[in-house]
Amino acid sequence: MNEEKIARINELSRKSKAEGLTEEEKQEQAILRQEFIASFRNNLKAQLDNIDVVNADGSVENLGEKYAASKKLS
């Protein structure tokens, strides 16, 4: 999500608190929020997929690969 869209989300939020939004602005705000949440989730998933854990036996295990494999089995 780019900075312009984040700025627009903030602008709509301030306007909503100050004077209210039109129906078009409410729809735009909802779409932007959904896009922001999807972007946030994708970024978080990418970070979590890159976490490596060192087990007690010294082996290194990538959590993203481990849990992706377990989801395929379910």
C-alpha atoms as a PDB file:
ATOM      1  CA  MET A   1       0.000   0.000   0.000  1.00  0.00           C
ATOM      2  CA  ASN A   2       1.483   3.327  -0.984  1.00  0.00           C
ATOM      3  CA  GLU A   3       1.733   6.492   1.089  1.00  0.00           C
ATOM      4  CA  GLU A   4      -0.968   8.284  -0.920  1.00  0.00           C
ATOM      5  CA  LYS A   5      -3.581   5.690  -0.007  1.00  0.00           C
ATOM      6  CA  ILE A   6      -2.576   5.761   3.656  1.00  0.00           C
ATOM      7  CA  ALA A   7      -2.827   9.546   3.620  1.00  0.00           C
ATOM      8  CA  ARG A   8      -6.293   9.271   2.062  1.00  0.00           C
ATOM      9  CA  ILE A   9      -7.391   6.805   4.784  1.00  0.00           C
ATOM     10  CA  ASN A  10      -6.230   9.274   7.434  1.00  0.00           C
ATOM     11  CA  GLU A  11      -7.902  12.181   5.653  1.00  0.00           C
ATOM     12  CA  LEU A  12     -11.227  10.329   5.489  1.00  0.00           C
ATOM     13  CA  SER A  13     -10.923   9.366   9.142  1.00  0.00           C
ATOM     14  CA  ARG A  14     -10.387  12.977  10.211  1.00  0.00           C
ATOM     15  CA  LYS A  15     -13.252  14.164   8.032  1.00  0.00           C
ATOM     16  CA  SER A  16     -15.521  11.456   9.432  1.00  0.00           C
ATOM     17  CA  LYS A  17     -14.874  12.642  12.994  1.00  0.00           C
ATOM     18  CA  ALA A  18     -15.177  16.333  12.116  1.00  0.00           C
ATOM     19  CA  GLU A  19     -18.158  16.570   9.806  1.00  0.00           C
ATOM     20  CA  GLY A  20     -19.186  13.138   8.526  1.00  0.00           C
ATOM     21  CA  LEU A  21     -18.759  11.409   5.201  1.00  0.00           C
ATOM     22  CA  THR A  22     -20.903  11.106   2.106  1.00  0.00           C
ATOM     23  CA  GLU A  23     -21.968   7.638   0.981  1.00  0.00           C
ATOM     24  CA  GLU A  24     -19.284   7.638  -1.735  1.00  0.00           C
ATOM     25  CA  GLU A  25     -16.618   8.549   0.815  1.00  0.00           C
ATOM     26  CA  LYS A  26     -17.837   5.824   3.184  1.00  0.00           C
ATOM     27  CA  GLN A  27     -17.531   3.277   0.387  1.00  0.00           C
ATOM     28  CA  GLU A  28     -14.076   4.556  -0.533  1.00  0.00           C
ATOM     29  CA  GLN A  29     -13.026   4.387   3.122  1.00  0.00           C
ATOM     30  CA  ALA A  30     -14.257   0.779   3.432  1.00  0.00           C
ATOM     31  CA  ILE A  31     -12.384  -0.277   0.275  1.00  0.00           C
ATOM     32  CA  LEU A  32      -9.174   1.439   1.405  1.00  0.00           C
ATOM     33  CA  ARG A  33      -9.416  -0.148   4.848  1.00  0.00           C
ATOM     34  CA  GLN A  34      -9.872  -3.620   3.342  1.00  0.00           C
ATOM     35  CA  GLU A  35      -6.876  -3.053   1.093  1.00  0.00           C
ATOM     36  CA  PHE A  36      -4.801  -1.844   4.054  1.00  0.00           C
ATOM     37  CA  ILE A  37      -5.730  -4.888   6.153  1.00  0.00           C
ATOM     38  CA  ALA A  38      -4.902  -7.269   3.293  1.00  0.00           C
ATOM     39  CA  SER A  39      -1.556  -5.548   2.795  1.00  0.00           C
ATOM     40  CA  PHE A  40      -0.822  -5.696   6.526  1.00  0.00           C
ATOM     41  CA  ARG A  41      -1.655  -9.414   6.674  1.00  0.00           C
ATOM     42  CA  ASN A  42       0.531 -10.187   3.645  1.00  0.00           C
ATOM     43  CA  ASN A  43       3.472  -8.301   5.148  1.00  0.00           C
ATOM     44  CA  LEU A  44       3.070 -10.030   8.510  1.00  0.00           C
ATOM     45  CA  LYS A  45       2.829 -13.451   6.854  1.00  0.00           C
ATOM     46  CA  ALA A  46       5.988 -12.767   4.848  1.00  0.00           C
ATOM     47  CA  GLN A  47       7.848 -11.802   8.025  1.00  0.00           C
ATOM     48  CA  LEU A  48       6.614 -14.860   9.919  1.00  0.00           C
ATOM     49  CA  ASP A  49       7.486 -17.155   7.001  1.00  0.00           C
ATOM     50  CA  ASN A  50      11.109 -16.021   7.280  1.00  0.00           C
ATOM     51  CA  ILE A  51      11.563 -16.935  10.943  1.00  0.00           C
ATOM     52  CA  ASP A  52      14.048 -19.700  11.623  1.00  0.00           C
ATOM     53  CA  VAL A  53      14.042 -21.556  14.940  1.00  0.00           C
ATOM     54  CA  VAL A  54      17.061 -23.380  16.307  1.00  0.00           C
ATOM     55  CA  ASN A  55      15.898 -26.622  17.919  1.00  0.00           C
ATOM     56  CA  ALA A  56      17.461 -28.163  21.027  1.00  0.00           C
ATOM     57  CA  ASP A  57      19.411 -30.607  18.839  1.00  0.00           C
ATOM     58  CA  GLY A  58      20.982 -27.717  16.920  1.00  0.00           C
ATOM     59  CA  SER A  59      18.959 -28.147  13.743  1.00  0.00           C
ATOM     60  CA  VAL A  60      17.458 -25.062  12.131  1.00  0.00           C
ATOM     61  CA  GLU A  61      13.816 -25.162  11.135  1.00  0.00           C
ATOM     62  CA  ASN A  62      12.004 -22.556   9.031  1.00  0.00           C
ATOM     63  CA  LEU A  63       8.542 -21.970  10.499  1.00  0.00           C
ATOM     64  CA  GLY A  64       7.055 -20.846   7.202  1.00  0.00           C
ATOM     65  CA  GLU A  65       8.009 -24.103   5.534  1.00  0.00           C
ATOM     66  CA  LYS A  66       6.952 -26.167   8.549  1.00  0.00           C
ATOM     67  CA  TYR A  67       3.466 -24.713   8.815  1.00  0.00           C
ATOM     68  CA  ALA A  68       2.912 -24.501   5.063  1.00  0.00           C
ATOM     69  CA  ALA A  69       3.574 -28.235   4.874  1.00  0.00           C
ATOM     70  CA  SER A  70       1.207 -28.973   7.765  1.00  0.00           C
ATOM     71  CA  LYS A  71      -1.596 -26.948   6.117  1.00  0.00           C
ATOM     72  CA  LYS A  72      -1.234 -28.994   2.919  1.00  0.00           C
ATOM     73  CA  LEU A  73      -1.682 -32.216   4.890  1.00  0.00           C
ATOM     74  CA  SER A  74      -4.905 -31.030   6.585  1.00  0.00           C
END
